[in-house]
């Protein structure tokens, strides 16, 4: 049996009027009879057109922005994984030349690398007596923290000194946020130097020995 070629107008009528949504989906997935396959491409285009009509331009833009943000986050995390190694090495060099005053740490924070440079814990020379026991007041040193965020950026915080007696951590130290950076900003040694300089100035002014 020869196939009758449908005029263009009749094809349009078949898609928009004569074929139900269920039939459209059946034809799209190849469940149509052989005689219907020549128009399956038209039906597929019609389905795509209807799907696109359900999203406004603002909706499509928002969804596209979300995909772009996720991609940027993954790229930042990958950057920080590499850059944090160099930053930690530099912090180790500073600690090594600080006459044991500074200690650098590397920790896992939410699956990412957090870095810290700290003055550690040191006695203040003051003694306390409580009932029949006595001990010394201990300084918990100031720190600078490089904290990776969930979006891949890195926040740099300063934490001040605190003084309390041994095994008591009730005193809350001063905490100050410097800024949140793109990882690539921290790949430049000069930028790290400036951050450490700010940290040391902060630590001096916040220290229990400071007097104007």
Protein backbone atom coordinates (compact mmCIF):
# COMPACT_ATOMS: atom_id res chain seq x y z
CA UNK A 1 0.00 0.00 0.00
CA UNK A 2 1.40 3.36 -1.00
CA UNK A 3 1.54 6.11 1.59
CA UNK A 4 -0.39 9.27 1.03
CA UNK A 5 1.76 12.33 1.48
CA UNK A 6 0.06 14.75 3.84
CA UNK A 7 -0.12 18.39 2.85
CA UNK A 8 1.66 20.81 5.18
CA UNK A 9 -1.61 22.21 6.48
CA UNK A 10 -2.91 18.77 7.34
CA UNK A 11 0.24 17.97 9.29
CA UNK A 12 -0.28 21.04 11.43
CA UNK A 13 -3.87 20.06 12.12
CA UNK A 14 -2.80 16.53 13.07
CA UNK A 15 -0.34 17.85 15.66
CA UNK A 16 -2.37 20.59 17.23
CA UNK A 17 -5.90 19.19 17.11
CA UNK A 18 -6.29 15.53 16.23
CA UNK A 19 -3.58 14.03 18.48
CA UNK A 20 -4.02 13.94 22.24
CA UNK A 21 -1.21 14.44 24.78
CA UNK A 22 -1.13 10.70 25.44
CA UNK A 23 -0.79 9.93 21.76
CA UNK A 24 1.92 12.56 21.43
CA UNK A 25 3.97 10.89 24.17
CA UNK A 26 3.45 7.45 22.67
CA UNK A 27 4.66 8.65 19.31
CA UNK A 28 7.64 10.41 20.86
CA UNK A 29 8.82 7.20 22.52
CA UNK A 30 8.45 5.14 19.34
CA UNK A 31 5.24 3.34 20.28
CA UNK A 32 3.51 4.60 17.13
CA UNK A 33 2.60 2.43 14.20
CA UNK A 34 4.93 2.47 11.17
CA UNK A 35 2.63 4.69 9.17
CA UNK A 36 2.88 7.41 11.86
CA UNK A 37 6.67 7.61 12.11
CA UNK A 38 7.17 10.18 9.34
CA UNK A 39 5.49 12.81 11.51
CA UNK A 40 7.15 11.84 14.82
CA UNK A 41 9.76 14.57 14.39
CA UNK A 42 7.03 17.16 14.13
CA UNK A 43 5.40 15.80 17.25
CA UNK A 44 8.69 15.94 19.16
CA UNK A 45 9.13 19.58 18.20
CA UNK A 46 5.60 20.28 19.33
CA UNK A 47 6.30 18.71 22.74
CA UNK A 48 9.48 20.74 23.12
CA UNK A 49 7.62 23.90 22.18
CA UNK A 50 4.92 23.23 24.78
CA UNK A 51 7.55 22.52 27.47
CA UNK A 52 9.40 25.76 26.72
CA UNK A 53 6.15 27.72 26.85
CA UNK A 54 5.63 26.63 30.48
CA UNK A 55 8.77 28.55 31.62
CA UNK A 56 8.97 32.33 31.48
CA UNK A 57 12.15 34.08 30.44
CA UNK A 58 12.86 34.96 34.08
CA UNK A 59 12.41 31.33 35.12
CA UNK A 60 14.88 30.11 32.51
CA UNK A 61 17.34 32.82 33.52
CA UNK A 62 17.09 31.85 37.21
CA UNK A 63 17.62 28.16 36.50
CA UNK A 64 20.57 28.99 34.29
CA UNK A 65 22.04 31.19 37.04
CA UNK A 66 21.69 28.36 39.56
CA UNK A 67 23.58 25.96 37.28
CA UNK A 68 26.30 28.56 36.76
CA UNK A 69 26.65 29.17 40.51
CA UNK A 70 27.04 25.45 41.21
CA UNK A 71 29.69 25.20 38.51
CA UNK A 72 31.59 28.18 39.99
CA UNK A 73 31.44 26.62 43.45
CA UNK A 74 32.95 23.35 42.25
CA UNK A 75 35.71 25.27 40.48
CA UNK A 76 36.52 27.28 43.63
CA UNK A 77 36.71 24.13 45.78
CA UNK A 78 39.14 22.59 43.34
CA UNK A 79 41.24 25.77 43.38
CA UNK A 80 41.38 25.92 47.17
CA UNK A 81 42.41 22.28 47.38
CA UNK A 82 45.56 23.21 45.45
CA UNK A 83 46.13 26.73 46.84
CA UNK A 84 45.71 25.69 50.49
CA UNK A 85 48.81 23.51 50.18
CA UNK A 86 50.94 26.53 49.26
CA UNK A 87 49.34 28.72 51.93
CA UNK A 88 49.97 26.09 54.59
CA UNK A 89 53.60 25.81 53.53
CA UNK A 90 54.02 29.57 53.91
CA UNK A 91 52.36 29.53 57.34
CA UNK A 92 54.76 26.73 58.33
CA UNK A 93 57.71 28.93 57.33
CA UNK A 94 56.38 31.80 59.45
CA UNK A 95 55.87 29.48 62.43
CA UNK A 96 59.39 28.07 62.04
CA UNK A 97 60.91 31.57 62.22
CA UNK A 98 58.78 32.81 65.13
CA UNK A 99 60.93 31.32 67.90
CA UNK A 100 58.14 28.84 68.72
CA UNK A 101 55.66 31.60 69.40
CA UNK A 102 53.45 30.58 66.49
CA UNK A 103 52.04 27.19 65.54
CA UNK A 104 50.30 26.32 62.27
CA UNK A 105 47.49 23.80 61.99
CA UNK A 106 45.70 22.12 59.10
CA UNK A 107 42.24 20.66 59.78
CA UNK A 108 39.40 19.09 57.87
CA UNK A 109 36.38 21.39 57.93
CA UNK A 110 33.19 20.12 56.26
CA UNK A 111 35.24 18.06 53.86
CA UNK A 112 37.56 20.95 52.97
CA UNK A 113 40.91 22.22 54.27
CA UNK A 114 40.90 24.84 57.04
CA UNK A 115 44.19 26.51 57.98
CA UNK A 116 45.16 28.19 61.24
CA UNK A 117 48.15 30.11 62.55
CA UNK A 118 48.02 30.48 66.34
CA UNK A 119 50.04 31.63 69.33
CA UNK A 120 48.98 28.47 71.17
CA UNK A 121 48.56 28.24 74.94
CA UNK A 122 51.03 29.80 77.39
CA UNK A 123 51.19 30.55 81.12
CA UNK A 124 50.69 34.15 82.21
CA UNK A 125 52.69 33.95 85.42
CA UNK A 126 49.60 34.36 87.60
CA UNK A 127 48.56 31.71 90.13
CA UNK A 128 45.06 31.05 91.43
CA UNK A 129 43.95 29.20 94.56
CA UNK A 130 40.60 27.47 94.85
CA UNK A 131 39.79 25.63 98.05
CA UNK A 132 42.72 23.22 98.45
CA UNK A 133 43.96 23.38 94.88
CA UNK A 134 45.99 25.89 93.02
CA UNK A 135 47.01 26.39 89.42
CA UNK A 136 48.06 28.97 86.87
CA UNK A 137 46.14 31.27 84.61
CA UNK A 138 46.67 30.25 81.00
CA UNK A 139 46.65 32.36 77.89
CA UNK A 140 44.98 30.85 74.84
CA UNK A 141 46.70 32.64 72.04
CA UNK A 142 45.26 34.62 69.17
CA UNK A 143 44.72 32.92 65.83
CA UNK A 144 44.13 33.66 62.19
CA UNK A 145 41.83 31.20 60.44
CA UNK A 146 41.37 30.46 56.74
CA UNK A 147 37.89 28.92 56.67
CA UNK A 148 36.51 27.46 53.42
CA UNK A 149 32.82 28.21 52.86
CA UNK A 150 30.26 25.90 51.27
CA UNK A 151 30.24 28.10 48.14
CA UNK A 152 33.99 27.58 47.69
CA UNK A 153 35.11 31.02 48.87
CA UNK A 154 37.44 31.39 51.87
CA UNK A 155 36.72 33.54 54.92
CA UNK A 156 39.65 34.88 56.95
CA UNK A 157 38.85 35.42 60.65
CA UNK A 158 40.88 36.71 63.57
CA UNK A 159 40.37 35.30 67.07
CA UNK A 160 41.85 37.18 70.02
CA UNK A 161 43.61 36.02 73.15
CA UNK A 162 41.76 34.77 76.19
CA UNK A 163 43.03 34.19 79.72
CA UNK A 164 41.53 31.75 82.17
CA UNK A 165 42.60 29.21 84.72
CA UNK A 166 43.53 25.73 83.59
CA UNK A 167 40.84 23.50 82.06
CA UNK A 168 38.31 26.33 82.14
CA UNK A 169 37.31 27.80 78.80
CA UNK A 170 34.48 30.12 79.82
CA UNK A 171 35.99 33.34 78.55
CA UNK A 172 34.95 34.14 74.98
CA UNK A 173 37.72 35.76 72.95
CA UNK A 174 37.23 38.60 70.51
CA UNK A 175 36.41 37.44 66.99
CA UNK A 176 36.85 39.64 63.93
CA UNK A 177 36.21 38.89 60.28
CA UNK A 178 38.71 40.35 57.84
CA UNK A 179 36.94 39.39 54.62
CA UNK A 180 35.78 36.55 52.37
CA UNK A 181 37.98 35.94 49.33
CA UNK A 182 38.04 34.05 46.09
CA UNK A 183 40.65 31.26 46.43
CA UNK A 184 42.80 32.79 43.69
CA UNK A 185 43.28 35.92 45.84
CA UNK A 186 45.05 33.76 48.41
CA UNK A 187 47.35 32.27 45.78
CA UNK A 188 49.37 35.51 45.82
CA UNK A 189 52.05 35.52 48.51
CA UNK A 190 51.89 39.29 49.00
CA UNK A 191 48.20 39.04 49.91
CA UNK A 192 48.97 36.39 52.54
CA UNK A 193 51.74 38.60 53.96
CA UNK A 194 49.31 41.49 54.36
CA UNK A 195 46.82 39.24 56.14
CA UNK A 196 49.48 37.97 58.56
CA UNK A 197 50.60 41.55 59.26
CA UNK A 198 47.00 42.48 60.13
CA UNK A 199 46.80 39.43 62.36
CA UNK A 200 49.97 40.33 64.28
CA UNK A 201 48.82 43.95 64.79
CA UNK A 202 45.49 42.64 66.06
CA UNK A 203 47.19 40.10 68.36
CA UNK A 204 49.40 42.76 69.97
CA UNK A 205 46.51 45.11 70.72
CA UNK A 206 44.30 42.27 71.97
CA UNK A 207 46.97 40.69 74.19
CA UNK A 208 46.64 40.84 77.98
CA UNK A 209 50.06 42.56 78.20
CA UNK A 210 49.04 45.48 75.98
CA UNK A 211 48.94 48.91 77.59
CA UNK A 212 48.51 52.24 75.83
